Amino acid sequence: MAYRKLGRRSDQREAILRNLTTALIWNGRIETTETRAKEVRSIAEKLITLAVREYDNTVNVTKEGKTFVNDAPSKLAARRQLMAYLYNFPMEKQPKESKMAYAKRTGHINHPVVEKMFRELGPKYAARARDLGQGGGYTRIIKAGPRRGDAAPMAILELI
């Protein structure tokens, strides 16, 4: 597999790409150099495709008379793949929100970025694929001109 080395050692390059991919999924838009944007686009498309395929793959489990909805084995494997690659951003505290209200609102969500993939992005892009017959192409790169200082070509990478 050919990839861009980005002028970094492998551990630094991996950390940069993981951070940029996580920021793109969490914020929906990032500004970076063109070469980094092209690498992040490739990674993000694969992760979103994984979420689109598995977001609604659940099973009902009955234990002691109670019914629970659990992830199917393939969705659990996909969830673990996403958790292994994406960093864990904490959810932001709302203005004038107390610690107890924040804990109550976010207590049941362990990995907010992964949950966003399965709850928001997966259904959104699956509906787009179903309605428009368009799978893939979840990101857009807009060239933003040279960076002041070193004239590196900049780009805005955003989720469509």
C-alpha atoms as a PDB file:
ATOM      1  CA  MET A   1       0.000   0.000   0.000  1.00  0.00           C
ATOM      2  CA  ALA A   2       1.422   3.373  -0.992  1.00  0.00           C
ATOM      3  CA  TYR A   3       1.018   6.243   1.423  1.00  0.00           C
ATOM      4  CA  ARG A   4       2.439   9.676   2.062  1.00  0.00           C
ATOM      5  CA  LYS A   5       5.183   9.905   4.647  1.00  0.00           C
ATOM      6  CA  LEU A   6       4.429  13.559   5.474  1.00  0.00           C
ATOM      7  CA  GLY A   7       8.042  14.196   6.527  1.00  0.00           C
ATOM      8  CA  ARG A   8       7.550  12.444   9.873  1.00  0.00           C
ATOM      9  CA  ARG A   9       8.604   9.261  11.597  1.00  0.00           C
ATOM     10  CA  SER A  10       5.996   6.517  11.564  1.00  0.00           C
ATOM     11  CA  ASP A  11       4.791   7.031  15.150  1.00  0.00           C
ATOM     12  CA  GLN A  12       4.413  10.793  14.666  1.00  0.00           C
ATOM     13  CA  ARG A  13       2.694  10.308  11.321  1.00  0.00           C
ATOM     14  CA  GLU A  14       0.231   7.815  12.806  1.00  0.00           C
ATOM     15  CA  ALA A  15      -0.552  10.177  15.697  1.00  0.00           C
ATOM     16  CA  ILE A  16      -1.121  13.135  13.350  1.00  0.00           C
ATOM     17  CA  LEU A  17      -3.455  11.138  11.121  1.00  0.00           C
ATOM     18  CA  ARG A  18      -5.404   9.708  14.071  1.00  0.00           C
ATOM     19  CA  ASN A  19      -5.771  13.172  15.595  1.00  0.00           C
ATOM     20  CA  LEU A  20      -6.871  14.790  12.330  1.00  0.00           C
ATOM     21  CA  THR A  21      -9.330  11.973  11.573  1.00  0.00           C
ATOM     22  CA  THR A  22     -10.844  12.194  15.044  1.00  0.00           C
ATOM     23  CA  ALA A  23     -11.119  15.994  14.767  1.00  0.00           C
ATOM     24  CA  LEU A  24     -12.789  15.687  11.352  1.00  0.00           C
ATOM     25  CA  ILE A  25     -15.405  13.253  12.634  1.00  0.00           C
ATOM     26  CA  TRP A  26     -16.031  15.202  15.831  1.00  0.00           C
ATOM     27  CA  ASN A  27     -16.149  18.706  14.299  1.00  0.00           C
ATOM     28  CA  GLY A  28     -17.203  17.910  10.745  1.00  0.00           C
ATOM     29  CA  ARG A  29     -14.555  20.205   9.280  1.00  0.00           C
ATOM     30  CA  ILE A  30     -10.799  20.767   9.641  1.00  0.00           C
ATOM     31  CA  GLU A  31      -8.200  22.964   7.984  1.00  0.00           C
ATOM     32  CA  THR A  32      -4.842  21.368   7.252  1.00  0.00           C
ATOM     33  CA  THR A  33      -2.302  20.985   4.453  1.00  0.00           C
ATOM     34  CA  GLU A  34      -3.435  19.397   1.189  1.00  0.00           C
ATOM     35  CA  THR A  35      -1.298  16.287   1.559  1.00  0.00           C
ATOM     36  CA  ARG A  36      -2.530  15.631   5.095  1.00  0.00           C
ATOM     37  CA  ALA A  37      -6.102  16.237   3.966  1.00  0.00           C
ATOM     38  CA  LYS A  38      -5.750  13.649   1.201  1.00  0.00           C
ATOM     39  CA  GLU A  39      -4.420  11.056   3.640  1.00  0.00           C
ATOM     40  CA  VAL A  40      -7.097  11.800   6.250  1.00  0.00           C
ATOM     41  CA  ARG A  41      -9.815  11.588   3.592  1.00  0.00           C
ATOM     42  CA  SER A  42      -8.796   8.030   2.746  1.00  0.00           C
ATOM     43  CA  ILE A  43      -8.852   6.940   6.383  1.00  0.00           C
ATOM     44  CA  ALA A  44     -12.096   8.748   7.255  1.00  0.00           C
ATOM     45  CA  GLU A  45     -13.937   7.274   4.257  1.00  0.00           C
ATOM     46  CA  LYS A  46     -13.029   3.745   5.362  1.00  0.00           C
ATOM     47  CA  LEU A  47     -14.109   4.351   8.961  1.00  0.00           C
ATOM     48  CA  ILE A  48     -17.412   5.942   7.911  1.00  0.00           C
ATOM     49  CA  THR A  49     -18.093   3.056   5.520  1.00  0.00           C
ATOM     50  CA  LEU A  50     -17.593   0.670   8.431  1.00  0.00           C
ATOM     51  CA  ALA A  51     -20.092   2.650  10.531  1.00  0.00           C
ATOM     52  CA  VAL A  52     -22.617   2.792   7.656  1.00  0.00           C
ATOM     53  CA  ARG A  53     -22.492  -0.987   7.234  1.00  0.00           C
ATOM     54  CA  GLU A  54     -22.904  -1.781  10.936  1.00  0.00           C
ATOM     55  CA  TYR A  55     -24.881   1.053  12.566  1.00  0.00           C
ATOM     56  CA  ASP A  56     -28.213  -0.846  12.730  1.00  0.00           C
ATOM     57  CA  ASN A  57     -26.854  -4.345  13.305  1.00  0.00           C
ATOM     58  CA  THR A  58     -28.307  -5.211  16.729  1.00  0.00           C
ATOM     59  CA  VAL A  59     -29.768  -8.285  18.418  1.00  0.00           C
ATOM     60  CA  ASN A  60     -32.422  -8.624  21.118  1.00  0.00           C
ATOM     61  CA  VAL A  61     -31.282 -10.606  24.167  1.00  0.00           C
ATOM     62  CA  THR A  62     -33.618 -11.849  26.888  1.00  0.00           C
ATOM     63  CA  LYS A  63     -32.186 -12.413  30.357  1.00  0.00           C
ATOM     64  CA  GLU A  64     -34.291 -13.196  33.410  1.00  0.00           C
ATOM     65  CA  GLY A  65     -37.469 -12.021  31.684  1.00  0.00           C
ATOM     66  CA  LYS A  66     -36.011  -8.695  30.556  1.00  0.00           C
ATOM     67  CA  THR A  67     -35.212  -7.870  26.919  1.00  0.00           C
ATOM     68  CA  PHE A  68     -32.087  -5.930  26.045  1.00  0.00           C
ATOM     69  CA  VAL A  69     -30.819  -4.577  22.738  1.00  0.00           C
ATOM     70  CA  ASN A  70     -27.146  -5.435  22.241  1.00  0.00           C
ATOM     71  CA  ASP A  71     -24.675  -4.997  19.417  1.00  0.00           C
ATOM     72  CA  ALA A  72     -24.423  -7.938  17.058  1.00  0.00           C
ATOM     73  CA  PRO A  73     -20.953  -9.545  16.965  1.00  0.00           C
ATOM     74  CA  SER A  74     -20.034  -7.783  13.711  1.00  0.00           C
ATOM     75  CA  LYS A  75     -21.127  -4.388  15.078  1.00  0.00           C
ATOM     76  CA  LEU A  76     -19.164  -5.002  18.259  1.00  0.00           C
ATOM     77  CA  ALA A  77     -16.073  -5.793  16.180  1.00  0.00           C
ATOM     78  CA  ALA A  78     -16.616  -2.612  14.143  1.00  0.00           C
ATOM     79  CA  ARG A  79     -17.076  -0.587  17.339  1.00  0.00           C
ATOM     80  CA  ARG A  80     -13.808  -1.957  18.691  1.00  0.00           C
ATOM     81  CA  GLN A  81     -11.997  -1.148  15.438  1.00  0.00           C
ATOM     82  CA  LEU A  82     -13.231   2.441  15.627  1.00  0.00           C
ATOM     83  CA  MET A  83     -12.279   2.717  19.306  1.00  0.00           C
ATOM     84  CA  ALA A  84      -8.807   1.380  18.526  1.00  0.00           C
ATOM     85  CA  TYR A  85      -8.164   4.033  15.875  1.00  0.00           C
ATOM     86  CA  LEU A  86     -10.044   7.157  17.004  1.00  0.00           C
ATOM     87  CA  TYR A  87      -9.035   9.188  20.023  1.00  0.00           C
ATOM     88  CA  ASN A  88     -11.572   9.736  22.785  1.00  0.00           C
ATOM     89  CA  PHE A  89     -12.693  13.378  22.972  1.00  0.00           C
ATOM     90  CA  PRO A  90     -14.709  14.309  26.043  1.00  0.00           C
ATOM     91  CA  MET A  91     -18.061  15.933  25.385  1.00  0.00           C
ATOM     92  CA  GLU A  92     -18.068  19.675  25.943  1.00  0.00           C
ATOM     93  CA  LYS A  93     -19.700  21.197  28.960  1.00  0.00           C
ATOM     94  CA  GLN A  94     -22.592  23.495  28.053  1.00  0.00           C
ATOM     95  CA  PRO A  95     -22.502  27.114  29.231  1.00  0.00           C
ATOM     96  CA  LYS A  96     -23.719  27.445  32.819  1.00  0.00           C
ATOM     97  CA  GLU A  97     -24.078  23.660  33.172  1.00  0.00           C
ATOM     98  CA  SER A  98     -23.345  22.252  36.619  1.00  0.00           C
ATOM     99  CA  LYS A  99     -21.051  19.303  37.198  1.00  0.00           C
ATOM    100  CA  MET A 100     -23.973  17.091  38.175  1.00  0.00           C
ATOM    101  CA  ALA A 101     -25.977  17.993  35.069  1.00  0.00           C
ATOM    102  CA  TYR A 102     -22.932  17.350  32.889  1.00  0.00           C
ATOM    103  CA  ALA A 103     -22.324  13.977  34.556  1.00  0.00           C
ATOM    104  CA  LYS A 104     -25.978  13.010  34.129  1.00  0.00           C
ATOM    105  CA  ARG A 105     -25.991  14.027  30.447  1.00  0.00           C
ATOM    106  CA  THR A 106     -22.728  12.304  29.551  1.00  0.00           C
ATOM    107  CA  GLY A 107     -22.528   9.450  32.076  1.00  0.00           C
ATOM    108  CA  HIS A 108     -23.854   6.727  29.764  1.00  0.00           C
ATOM    109  CA  ILE A 109     -21.590   7.652  26.812  1.00  0.00           C
ATOM    110  CA  ASN A 110     -18.089   6.214  27.148  1.00  0.00           C
ATOM    111  CA  HIS A 111     -16.738   7.024  23.668  1.00  0.00           C
ATOM    112  CA  PRO A 112     -18.558  10.059  22.222  1.00  0.00           C
ATOM    113  CA  VAL A 113     -16.753  10.008  18.855  1.00  0.00           C
ATOM    114  CA  VAL A 114     -17.628   6.348  18.227  1.00  0.00           C
ATOM    115  CA  GLU A 115     -21.214   6.970  19.332  1.00  0.00           C
ATOM    116  CA  LYS A 116     -21.423   9.878  16.897  1.00  0.00           C
ATOM    117  CA  MET A 117     -20.275   7.560  14.118  1.00  0.00           C
ATOM    118  CA  PHE A 118     -23.017   5.020  14.854  1.00  0.00           C
ATOM    119  CA  ARG A 119     -25.841   7.376  15.883  1.00  0.00           C
ATOM    120  CA  GLU A 120     -25.414  10.318  13.494  1.00  0.00           C
ATOM    121  CA  LEU A 121     -23.066   9.631  10.601  1.00  0.00           C
ATOM    122  CA  GLY A 122     -24.021   5.993   9.936  1.00  0.00           C
ATOM    123  CA  PRO A 123     -27.775   6.633   9.500  1.00  0.00           C
ATOM    124  CA  LYS A 124     -27.161   9.885   7.606  1.00  0.00           C
ATOM    125  CA  TYR A 125     -24.908   8.351   4.972  1.00  0.00           C
ATOM    126  CA  ALA A 126     -26.909   5.110   4.769  1.00  0.00           C
ATOM    127  CA  ALA A 127     -30.024   7.164   3.945  1.00  0.00           C
ATOM    128  CA  ARG A 128     -28.063   9.086   1.339  1.00  0.00           C
ATOM    129  CA  ALA A 129     -26.856   5.837  -0.220  1.00  0.00           C
ATOM    130  CA  ARG A 130     -30.399   4.447  -0.208  1.00  0.00           C
ATOM    131  CA  ASP A 131     -32.049   7.577  -1.634  1.00  0.00           C
ATOM    132  CA  LEU A 132     -29.425   8.720  -4.119  1.00  0.00           C
ATOM    133  CA  GLY A 133     -27.761   5.391  -4.808  1.00  0.00           C
ATOM    134  CA  GLN A 134     -24.470   6.980  -3.820  1.00  0.00           C
ATOM    135  CA  GLY A 135     -22.122   5.036  -1.559  1.00  0.00           C
ATOM    136  CA  GLY A 136     -18.865   6.632  -0.487  1.00  0.00           C
ATOM    137  CA  GLY A 137     -17.756  10.176  -1.144  1.00  0.00           C
ATOM    138  CA  TYR A 138     -18.403  11.325   2.413  1.00  0.00           C
ATOM    139  CA  THR A 139     -15.770  14.083   2.403  1.00  0.00           C
ATOM    140  CA  ARG A 140     -14.905  17.148   0.364  1.00  0.00           C
ATOM    141  CA  ILE A 141     -11.547  18.896  -0.017  1.00  0.00           C
ATOM    142  CA  ILE A 142     -11.579  22.631  -0.762  1.00  0.00           C
ATOM    143  CA  LYS A 143      -8.244  24.243  -1.567  1.00  0.00           C
ATOM    144  CA  ALA A 144      -7.624  27.289   0.602  1.00  0.00           C
ATOM    145  CA  GLY A 145      -4.450  28.784  -0.848  1.00  0.00           C
ATOM    146  CA  PRO A 146      -0.938  28.996   0.593  1.00  0.00           C
ATOM    147  CA  ARG A 147      -0.269  29.225   4.317  1.00  0.00           C
ATOM    148  CA  ARG A 148       1.285  32.444   5.489  1.00  0.00           C
ATOM    149  CA  GLY A 149       4.787  31.800   6.711  1.00  0.00           C
ATOM    150  CA  ASP A 150       5.906  28.762   4.750  1.00  0.00           C
ATOM    151  CA  ALA A 151       3.531  28.889   1.757  1.00  0.00           C
ATOM    152  CA  ALA A 152       2.367  25.302   2.284  1.00  0.00           C
ATOM    153  CA  PRO A 153      -0.774  24.610   0.227  1.00  0.00           C
ATOM    154  CA  MET A 154      -3.722  24.546   2.642  1.00  0.00           C
ATOM    155  CA  ALA A 155      -7.064  22.797   2.277  1.00  0.00           C
ATOM    156  CA  ILE A 156     -10.348  22.531   4.148  1.00  0.00           C
ATOM    157  CA  LEU A 157     -11.545  18.965   4.619  1.00  0.00           C
ATOM    158  CA  GLU A 158     -15.205  18.599   5.530  1.00  0.00           C
ATOM    159  CA  LEU A 159     -17.880  15.965   5.788  1.00  0.00           C
ATOM    160  CA  ILE A 160     -20.585  16.382   3.168  1.00  0.00           C
END
